[in-house]
Amino acid sequence: MVRVVGIDHIVIRVSDYEKSKVFYGRLFDFLGFEISEEYEEAIGWTNGHTRFWIGPADEQGRKHKYRIGDVGFHHYAFQLRSRKDVDALQAFLEKTDTVIVDPADEYYDDYYAVFFLDPDGLKLEGMKYGERHEQAKRKRSAARAAKARKSRKKRG
């Protein structure tokens, strides 16, 4: 059976290639990506696990402003290491005057995220899922281990 082992890359078309190149260049530098390859009309960044490419829309494509809710791309989420990283991303976005549509907050149980827009209005997200649950699990495991050590000492 064929199995997908990951998402290799995404490619988006942008209305103003140079403006988007600057935006994504700053964002990906902050997120620890590097340019993987660059051509006359395409540039890609990678963090070693995934790649993100942009290229200019054609003449007809530039006539249609992107609108969230249209058929197609809704948003792209970058999974971050921690809630602190989500907060750091928001601070970076604020410094770069990026439009934040939903500030860093818990949007679902233990789902912490910030949502923002690229120059064409494409919605992007930095998120961390499960951090509180992971911490609670570690605390329970540590408490059980401490209890077991204490019990062994009493017997020994």
Protein backbone atom coordinates (compact mmCIF):
# COMPACT_ATOMS: atom_id res chain seq x y z
CA MET A 1 0.00 0.00 0.00
CA VAL A 2 1.25 3.49 -0.83
CA ARG A 3 1.63 5.78 2.20
CA VAL A 4 2.30 9.48 2.42
CA VAL A 5 5.20 10.14 4.79
CA GLY A 6 4.96 13.93 4.84
CA ILE A 7 4.19 17.08 2.92
CA ASP A 8 7.20 17.88 0.76
CA HIS A 9 6.27 21.36 -0.45
CA ILE A 10 3.60 23.88 -1.24
CA VAL A 11 3.74 26.38 -4.11
CA ILE A 12 1.71 29.59 -4.13
CA ARG A 13 1.32 32.26 -6.79
CA VAL A 14 1.59 35.89 -5.72
CA SER A 15 0.49 39.16 -7.30
CA ASP A 16 3.65 41.16 -6.53
CA TYR A 17 6.59 38.76 -6.68
CA GLU A 18 9.23 41.18 -5.33
CA LYS A 19 7.04 42.35 -2.43
CA SER A 20 6.16 38.76 -1.50
CA LYS A 21 9.78 37.68 -1.84
CA VAL A 22 10.74 40.28 0.78
CA PHE A 23 7.83 39.31 3.08
CA TYR A 24 8.52 35.57 2.92
CA GLY A 25 12.27 36.10 3.07
CA ARG A 26 11.95 37.91 6.41
CA LEU A 27 9.37 35.43 7.73
CA PHE A 28 11.34 32.35 6.76
CA ASP A 29 14.60 33.80 8.08
CA PHE A 30 12.81 34.30 11.43
CA LEU A 31 11.40 30.74 11.30
CA GLY A 32 14.80 29.19 10.56
CA PHE A 33 14.27 28.38 6.87
CA GLU A 34 16.93 28.89 4.22
CA ILE A 35 16.61 29.47 0.51
CA SER A 36 16.69 26.05 -1.13
CA GLU A 37 16.69 27.22 -4.74
CA GLU A 38 15.98 30.41 -6.65
CA TYR A 39 15.11 30.89 -10.29
CA GLU A 40 14.10 33.91 -12.33
CA GLU A 41 10.42 33.49 -11.43
CA ALA A 42 10.39 31.17 -8.41
CA ILE A 43 12.03 30.93 -5.03
CA GLY A 44 11.80 28.19 -2.43
CA TRP A 45 12.73 28.01 1.22
CA THR A 46 13.27 24.92 3.36
CA ASN A 47 13.83 23.99 6.97
CA GLY A 48 15.06 20.51 6.03
CA HIS A 49 11.60 18.95 6.41
CA THR A 50 9.31 20.95 4.18
CA ARG A 51 9.64 23.45 1.38
CA PHE A 52 7.58 26.55 0.61
CA TRP A 53 7.74 28.09 -2.86
CA ILE A 54 6.39 31.30 -4.36
CA GLY A 55 6.15 32.40 -7.95
CA PRO A 56 4.41 35.25 -9.75
CA ALA A 57 0.80 34.85 -10.84
CA ASP A 58 0.19 35.25 -14.55
CA GLU A 59 -1.52 38.34 -15.99
CA GLN A 60 -5.01 36.89 -15.68
CA GLY A 61 -4.33 35.66 -12.15
CA ARG A 62 -3.19 39.09 -10.98
CA LYS A 63 -6.62 40.48 -11.94
CA HIS A 64 -8.36 38.37 -9.28
CA LYS A 65 -7.66 39.45 -5.72
CA TYR A 66 -7.50 36.52 -3.33
CA ARG A 67 -10.39 36.20 -0.89
CA ILE A 68 -10.50 33.79 2.05
CA GLY A 69 -13.56 31.70 1.41
CA ASP A 70 -12.93 31.15 -2.29
CA VAL A 71 -12.43 27.63 -3.56
CA GLY A 72 -8.82 26.65 -2.94
CA PHE A 73 -6.24 27.63 -0.38
CA HIS A 74 -7.67 28.57 3.04
CA HIS A 75 -4.53 28.79 5.20
CA TYR A 76 -1.16 27.21 5.86
CA ALA A 77 -0.11 26.38 9.42
CA PHE A 78 3.48 26.25 10.65
CA GLN A 79 3.78 23.91 13.62
CA LEU A 80 6.04 25.57 16.19
CA ARG A 81 7.93 24.06 19.14
CA SER A 82 6.11 25.88 21.93
CA ARG A 83 3.58 28.49 22.92
CA LYS A 84 6.54 30.79 23.59
CA ASP A 85 7.50 30.43 19.92
CA VAL A 86 3.94 31.41 18.93
CA ASP A 87 4.27 34.53 21.10
CA ALA A 88 7.70 35.29 19.61
CA LEU A 89 6.26 34.95 16.11
CA GLN A 90 3.48 37.39 16.97
CA ALA A 91 6.02 39.90 18.32
CA PHE A 92 8.01 39.54 15.07
CA LEU A 93 4.86 40.04 12.98
CA GLU A 94 3.97 43.17 14.94
CA LYS A 95 7.45 44.62 14.35
CA THR A 96 7.13 43.99 10.60
CA ASP A 97 3.63 45.54 10.41
CA THR A 98 2.14 42.26 9.23
CA VAL A 99 -1.65 42.06 9.42
CA ILE A 100 -2.59 39.79 12.34
CA VAL A 101 -6.17 38.59 11.92
CA ASP A 102 -6.36 36.52 15.11
CA PRO A 103 -3.78 37.21 17.84
CA ALA A 104 -1.96 34.53 19.83
CA ASP A 105 -4.54 32.71 21.91
CA GLU A 106 -5.96 29.28 22.64
CA TYR A 107 -8.52 28.64 19.90
CA TYR A 108 -9.33 25.01 20.75
CA ASP A 109 -8.47 22.86 23.74
CA ASP A 110 -4.68 23.12 24.03
CA TYR A 111 -4.39 24.62 20.50
CA TYR A 112 -2.46 27.89 20.72
CA ALA A 113 -2.02 29.93 17.54
CA VAL A 114 -1.59 33.27 15.82
CA PHE A 115 -3.13 33.88 12.37
CA PHE A 116 -1.77 36.47 9.93
CA LEU A 117 -1.87 37.51 6.28
CA ASP A 118 0.75 37.64 3.55
CA PRO A 119 0.80 40.63 1.12
CA ASP A 120 -1.95 39.01 -1.01
CA GLY A 121 -4.16 38.26 1.97
CA LEU A 122 -3.30 34.56 2.09
CA LYS A 123 -3.87 33.38 5.64
CA LEU A 124 -0.92 31.86 7.50
CA GLU A 125 -0.71 30.46 11.00
CA GLY A 126 1.91 29.70 13.63
CA MET A 127 0.62 27.12 16.07
CA LYS A 128 1.43 24.70 18.89
CA TYR A 129 -0.92 21.87 19.76
CA GLY A 130 -0.81 19.74 22.90
CA GLU A 131 1.75 21.59 25.04
CA ARG A 132 -0.41 21.74 28.20
CA HIS A 133 -1.39 18.08 27.83
CA GLU A 134 2.26 17.07 27.32
CA GLN A 135 3.31 18.99 30.45
CA ALA A 136 0.49 17.44 32.53
CA LYS A 137 1.48 13.95 31.32
CA ARG A 138 5.13 14.55 32.28
CA LYS A 139 4.07 15.77 35.75
CA ARG A 140 1.89 12.68 36.28
CA SER A 141 4.75 10.41 35.19
CA ALA A 142 7.22 12.19 37.48
CA ALA A 143 4.78 11.95 40.40
CA ARG A 144 4.27 8.20 39.80
CA ALA A 145 8.05 7.68 39.60
CA ALA A 146 8.59 9.62 42.84
CA LYS A 147 5.86 7.60 44.56
CA ALA A 148 7.43 4.34 43.35
CA ARG A 149 10.89 5.40 44.63
CA LYS A 150 9.40 6.32 47.99
CA SER A 151 7.60 2.98 48.17
CA ARG A 152 10.82 1.07 47.37
CA LYS A 153 12.71 2.99 50.07
CA LYS A 154 10.10 2.05 52.69
CA ARG A 155 10.35 -1.64 51.74
CA GLY A 156 14.12 -1.67 51.41
